[in-house]
N, C-alpha and C. Protein backbone atom coordinates (compact mmCIF):
# COMPACT_ATOMS: atom_id res chain seq x y z
N MET A 1 2.63 -4.76 -0.70
CA MET A 1 1.26 -4.63 -1.39
C MET A 1 0.24 -4.99 -0.43
N ALA A 2 -0.77 -4.33 -0.69
CA ALA A 2 -2.00 -4.38 0.09
C ALA A 2 -2.95 -5.54 -0.60
N LEU A 3 -3.91 -6.20 0.27
CA LEU A 3 -4.58 -7.24 -0.23
C LEU A 3 -5.68 -6.80 -1.17
N GLY A 4 -6.16 -5.50 -1.06
CA GLY A 4 -7.02 -5.10 -2.12
C GLY A 4 -6.53 -4.11 -3.06
N ALA A 5 -5.25 -4.25 -3.34
CA ALA A 5 -4.55 -3.24 -4.24
C ALA A 5 -5.00 -3.34 -5.57
N PRO A 6 -5.17 -2.19 -6.32
CA PRO A 6 -5.65 -2.28 -7.66
C PRO A 6 -4.58 -3.03 -8.61
N PRO A 7 -4.91 -3.72 -9.68
CA PRO A 7 -4.02 -4.24 -10.65
C PRO A 7 -2.90 -3.39 -11.08
N ARG A 8 -3.18 -2.20 -11.31
CA ARG A 8 -2.24 -1.14 -11.86
C ARG A 8 -1.03 -0.94 -10.88
N ASN A 9 -1.35 -0.87 -9.52
CA ASN A 9 -0.49 -0.76 -8.43
C ASN A 9 0.52 -1.92 -8.20
N ILE A 10 -0.07 -3.17 -8.48
CA ILE A 10 0.53 -4.54 -8.37
C ILE A 10 1.48 -4.41 -9.62
N LEU A 11 1.26 -4.09 -10.72
CA LEU A 11 1.91 -4.08 -11.80
C LEU A 11 3.08 -3.26 -11.74
N THR A 12 3.01 -2.02 -11.38
CA THR A 12 4.15 -1.19 -11.02
C THR A 12 4.98 -1.51 -10.14
N ASN A 13 4.44 -2.04 -8.92
CA ASN A 13 5.32 -2.52 -7.97
C ASN A 13 6.37 -3.70 -8.36
N VAL A 14 5.67 -4.38 -9.04
CA VAL A 14 6.64 -5.64 -9.45
C VAL A 14 7.61 -5.41 -10.47
N LEU A 15 7.15 -4.49 -11.27
CA LEU A 15 8.12 -3.84 -12.23
C LEU A 15 9.26 -2.97 -11.67
N ARG A 16 8.84 -2.29 -10.66
CA ARG A 16 9.85 -1.33 -10.01
C ARG A 16 10.82 -2.29 -9.29
N GLU A 17 10.36 -3.32 -8.51
CA GLU A 17 11.39 -4.15 -7.84
C GLU A 17 12.20 -4.93 -8.77
N GLY A 18 11.69 -5.37 -9.87
CA GLY A 18 12.70 -6.08 -10.89
C GLY A 18 13.52 -5.06 -11.44
N ALA A 19 13.14 -3.74 -11.67
CA ALA A 19 14.09 -2.80 -12.24
C ALA A 19 15.20 -2.58 -11.11
N ALA A 20 14.88 -2.37 -9.89
CA ALA A 20 15.75 -2.02 -8.87
C ALA A 20 16.81 -3.21 -8.88
N MET A 21 16.51 -4.47 -8.68
CA MET A 21 17.24 -5.40 -8.56
C MET A 21 18.20 -5.62 -9.76
N ALA A 22 17.92 -5.24 -10.94
CA ALA A 22 18.58 -5.27 -12.26
C ALA A 22 19.60 -4.07 -12.15
N ALA A 23 19.03 -3.00 -11.59
CA ALA A 23 19.98 -1.88 -11.53
C ALA A 23 21.12 -2.16 -10.47
N ILE A 24 20.89 -2.79 -9.47
CA ILE A 24 21.99 -3.02 -8.52
C ILE A 24 23.07 -3.98 -9.23
N GLY A 25 22.40 -4.92 -9.84
CA GLY A 25 23.31 -6.06 -10.56
C GLY A 25 24.20 -5.37 -11.67
N VAL A 26 23.57 -4.60 -12.47
CA VAL A 26 24.34 -3.62 -13.58
C VAL A 26 25.21 -2.67 -12.99
N GLY A 27 24.86 -2.06 -11.90
CA GLY A 27 25.90 -1.14 -11.18
C GLY A 27 27.06 -2.01 -10.70
N ALA A 28 26.91 -3.07 -9.94
CA ALA A 28 28.08 -3.95 -9.62
C ALA A 28 28.67 -4.46 -10.81
N GLY A 29 28.17 -4.90 -11.90
CA GLY A 29 28.73 -5.47 -13.02
C GLY A 29 29.56 -4.42 -13.66
N LEU A 30 29.13 -3.09 -13.89
CA LEU A 30 29.77 -1.88 -14.41
C LEU A 30 31.06 -1.86 -13.61
N LEU A 31 30.86 -1.66 -12.39
CA LEU A 31 32.04 -1.49 -11.55
C LEU A 31 33.29 -2.51 -11.67
N VAL A 32 32.85 -3.79 -11.60
CA VAL A 32 33.75 -4.97 -11.90
C VAL A 32 34.34 -4.93 -13.04
N GLY A 33 33.61 -4.74 -14.17
CA GLY A 33 34.03 -4.72 -15.60
C GLY A 33 35.09 -3.48 -15.67
N ILE A 34 34.89 -2.48 -15.31
CA ILE A 34 35.76 -1.34 -15.63
C ILE A 34 37.14 -1.74 -14.83
N ILE A 35 36.93 -2.22 -13.56
CA ILE A 35 38.14 -2.49 -12.87
C ILE A 35 39.10 -3.63 -13.52
N LEU A 36 38.33 -4.65 -13.90
CA LEU A 36 38.86 -5.86 -14.54
C LEU A 36 39.51 -5.45 -15.95
N SER A 37 38.82 -4.73 -16.76
CA SER A 37 39.50 -4.23 -17.88
C SER A 37 40.65 -3.56 -17.86
N ARG A 38 40.82 -2.77 -16.89
CA ARG A 38 42.03 -1.88 -16.58
C ARG A 38 43.22 -2.79 -16.16
N VAL A 39 42.91 -3.90 -15.41
CA VAL A 39 43.79 -4.73 -14.76
C VAL A 39 44.35 -5.75 -15.98
N ILE A 40 43.40 -6.18 -16.85
CA ILE A 40 43.73 -6.96 -17.94
C ILE A 40 44.56 -6.22 -18.98
N ALA A 41 44.26 -4.97 -19.10
CA ALA A 41 44.93 -3.99 -20.07
C ALA A 41 46.39 -4.04 -19.59
N LYS A 42 46.73 -3.85 -18.36
CA LYS A 42 48.09 -3.81 -18.03
C LYS A 42 48.90 -4.82 -18.30
N TYR A 43 48.21 -6.12 -18.25
CA TYR A 43 49.01 -7.27 -18.35
C TYR A 43 49.03 -7.72 -19.81
N VAL A 44 48.17 -7.52 -20.71
CA VAL A 44 48.12 -7.97 -21.90
C VAL A 44 48.20 -6.89 -22.89
N ALA A 45 49.19 -6.71 -23.64
CA ALA A 45 49.77 -5.62 -24.43
C ALA A 45 48.90 -5.20 -25.55
N GLU A 46 48.19 -6.28 -26.31
CA GLU A 46 47.37 -5.94 -27.29
C GLU A 46 46.05 -5.83 -27.21
N ILE A 47 45.54 -5.83 -25.85
CA ILE A 47 44.28 -5.55 -25.64
C ILE A 47 43.96 -4.11 -25.31
N HIS A 48 42.95 -3.56 -25.95
CA HIS A 48 42.49 -2.29 -25.84
C HIS A 48 41.29 -2.11 -24.94
N GLN A 49 41.23 -1.20 -24.04
CA GLN A 49 40.14 -0.90 -23.32
C GLN A 49 38.96 -0.41 -23.95
N PRO A 50 37.88 -1.00 -23.52
CA PRO A 50 36.66 -0.59 -24.37
C PRO A 50 36.24 0.86 -23.75
N GLY A 51 35.59 1.72 -24.52
CA GLY A 51 35.27 2.93 -24.33
C GLY A 51 34.02 2.90 -23.31
N PRO A 52 33.69 4.07 -22.84
CA PRO A 52 32.59 4.21 -21.99
C PRO A 52 31.21 3.93 -22.78
N LEU A 53 31.27 4.00 -23.93
CA LEU A 53 29.92 3.93 -24.80
C LEU A 53 29.59 2.49 -24.69
N ALA A 54 30.60 1.66 -24.73
CA ALA A 54 30.45 0.00 -24.74
C ALA A 54 29.91 -0.37 -23.19
N PHE A 55 30.16 0.32 -22.18
CA PHE A 55 29.64 -0.02 -20.97
C PHE A 55 28.23 0.51 -20.82
N VAL A 56 27.98 1.77 -21.16
CA VAL A 56 26.68 2.45 -21.09
C VAL A 56 25.67 1.63 -21.89
N ALA A 57 26.17 1.30 -23.07
CA ALA A 57 25.33 0.67 -23.96
C ALA A 57 24.80 -0.77 -23.53
N SER A 58 25.75 -1.47 -22.96
CA SER A 58 25.49 -2.94 -22.49
C SER A 58 24.73 -2.74 -21.40
N ALA A 59 24.88 -1.81 -20.47
CA ALA A 59 23.99 -1.59 -19.32
C ALA A 59 22.53 -1.22 -19.68
N PHE A 60 22.38 -0.44 -20.63
CA PHE A 60 20.92 -0.18 -20.92
C PHE A 60 20.41 -1.34 -21.71
N VAL A 61 21.10 -2.25 -22.44
CA VAL A 61 20.52 -3.31 -22.93
C VAL A 61 20.08 -4.41 -22.04
N ILE A 62 20.84 -4.59 -20.95
CA ILE A 62 20.50 -5.47 -19.71
C ILE A 62 19.42 -4.88 -19.11
N LEU A 63 19.53 -3.56 -18.68
CA LEU A 63 18.35 -3.19 -17.76
C LEU A 63 17.01 -3.16 -18.78
N GLY A 64 17.11 -3.08 -20.13
CA GLY A 64 15.77 -3.26 -20.84
C GLY A 64 15.38 -4.74 -20.65
N ALA A 65 16.24 -5.62 -20.88
CA ALA A 65 15.97 -7.05 -20.83
C ALA A 65 15.41 -7.39 -19.54
N ALA A 66 15.92 -6.89 -18.41
CA ALA A 66 15.42 -7.14 -17.26
C ALA A 66 13.97 -6.60 -16.90
N VAL A 67 13.66 -5.49 -17.39
CA VAL A 67 12.18 -5.03 -17.42
C VAL A 67 11.24 -5.77 -18.23
N ILE A 68 11.76 -6.10 -19.38
CA ILE A 68 10.88 -7.00 -20.32
C ILE A 68 10.67 -8.47 -19.54
N ALA A 69 11.86 -8.85 -18.98
CA ALA A 69 11.59 -10.22 -18.13
C ALA A 69 10.57 -10.33 -16.86
N SER A 70 10.63 -9.18 -16.31
CA SER A 70 9.78 -8.97 -15.13
C SER A 70 8.39 -8.53 -15.52
N ALA A 71 8.06 -8.29 -16.77
CA ALA A 71 6.85 -7.74 -17.08
C ALA A 71 5.84 -9.05 -17.12
N VAL A 72 6.28 -10.24 -17.40
CA VAL A 72 5.42 -11.42 -17.54
C VAL A 72 4.87 -11.62 -16.03
N PRO A 73 5.97 -11.80 -15.06
CA PRO A 73 5.37 -12.17 -13.70
C PRO A 73 4.45 -10.92 -13.08
N ALA A 74 4.71 -9.82 -13.63
CA ALA A 74 3.98 -8.64 -13.11
C ALA A 74 2.66 -8.65 -13.57
N ALA A 75 2.44 -8.92 -14.87
CA ALA A 75 1.17 -9.29 -15.38
C ALA A 75 0.34 -10.35 -14.92
N ARG A 76 1.17 -11.43 -14.42
CA ARG A 76 0.39 -12.65 -13.94
C ARG A 76 0.00 -12.25 -12.45
N ALA A 77 0.89 -11.47 -11.76
CA ALA A 77 0.49 -11.14 -10.32
C ALA A 77 -0.71 -10.08 -10.50
N ALA A 78 -0.72 -9.29 -11.38
CA ALA A 78 -1.87 -8.41 -11.48
C ALA A 78 -3.20 -8.98 -11.74
N ARG A 79 -3.16 -10.22 -12.34
CA ARG A 79 -4.27 -10.93 -12.71
C ARG A 79 -4.85 -11.83 -11.45
N VAL A 80 -4.08 -12.03 -10.58
CA VAL A 80 -4.54 -13.02 -9.43
C VAL A 80 -5.57 -12.40 -8.63
N ASN A 81 -6.53 -13.27 -8.23
CA ASN A 81 -7.51 -12.71 -7.42
C ASN A 81 -7.14 -13.08 -6.01
N ALA A 82 -6.90 -12.25 -5.00
CA ALA A 82 -6.25 -12.49 -3.77
C ALA A 82 -7.07 -13.42 -2.87
N VAL A 83 -8.40 -13.21 -2.98
CA VAL A 83 -9.19 -14.19 -2.08
C VAL A 83 -8.97 -15.55 -2.61
N GLU A 84 -9.08 -15.73 -3.83
CA GLU A 84 -8.91 -17.14 -4.34
C GLU A 84 -7.47 -17.72 -4.06
N ALA A 85 -6.56 -16.86 -4.03
CA ALA A 85 -5.14 -17.25 -3.79
C ALA A 85 -5.09 -17.75 -2.35
N LEU A 86 -5.60 -16.96 -1.52
CA LEU A 86 -5.52 -17.32 -0.14
C LEU A 86 -6.24 -18.47 0.28
N ARG A 87 -7.40 -18.70 -0.47
CA ARG A 87 -8.18 -19.90 -0.29
C ARG A 87 -7.50 -21.34 -0.70
N SER A 88 -6.84 -21.12 -1.63
CA SER A 88 -5.99 -22.39 -2.27
C SER A 88 -4.77 -22.70 -1.23
N GLU A 89 -4.27 -21.67 -0.48
CA GLU A 89 -3.25 -21.86 0.43
C GLU A 89 -3.65 -22.48 1.70
């Protein structure tokens, strides 16, 4: 981010970074979840594997929550005056 960046750019950058981190975590979680569900289903007879809809729905819920959770710090970062923040450091 540049020192004189407009608040809209700051807001979108922070939201984009938060969504990217969440997407990496969700992707890793989906991969591990699919692998572990298949391993557990082999050893436990009465366990049924969840369908792909359950995995996709949970991924979208988590991504949505992550974007909402990063909106508060993004709005706060967009309101900060850079000159005043540098003076206080």
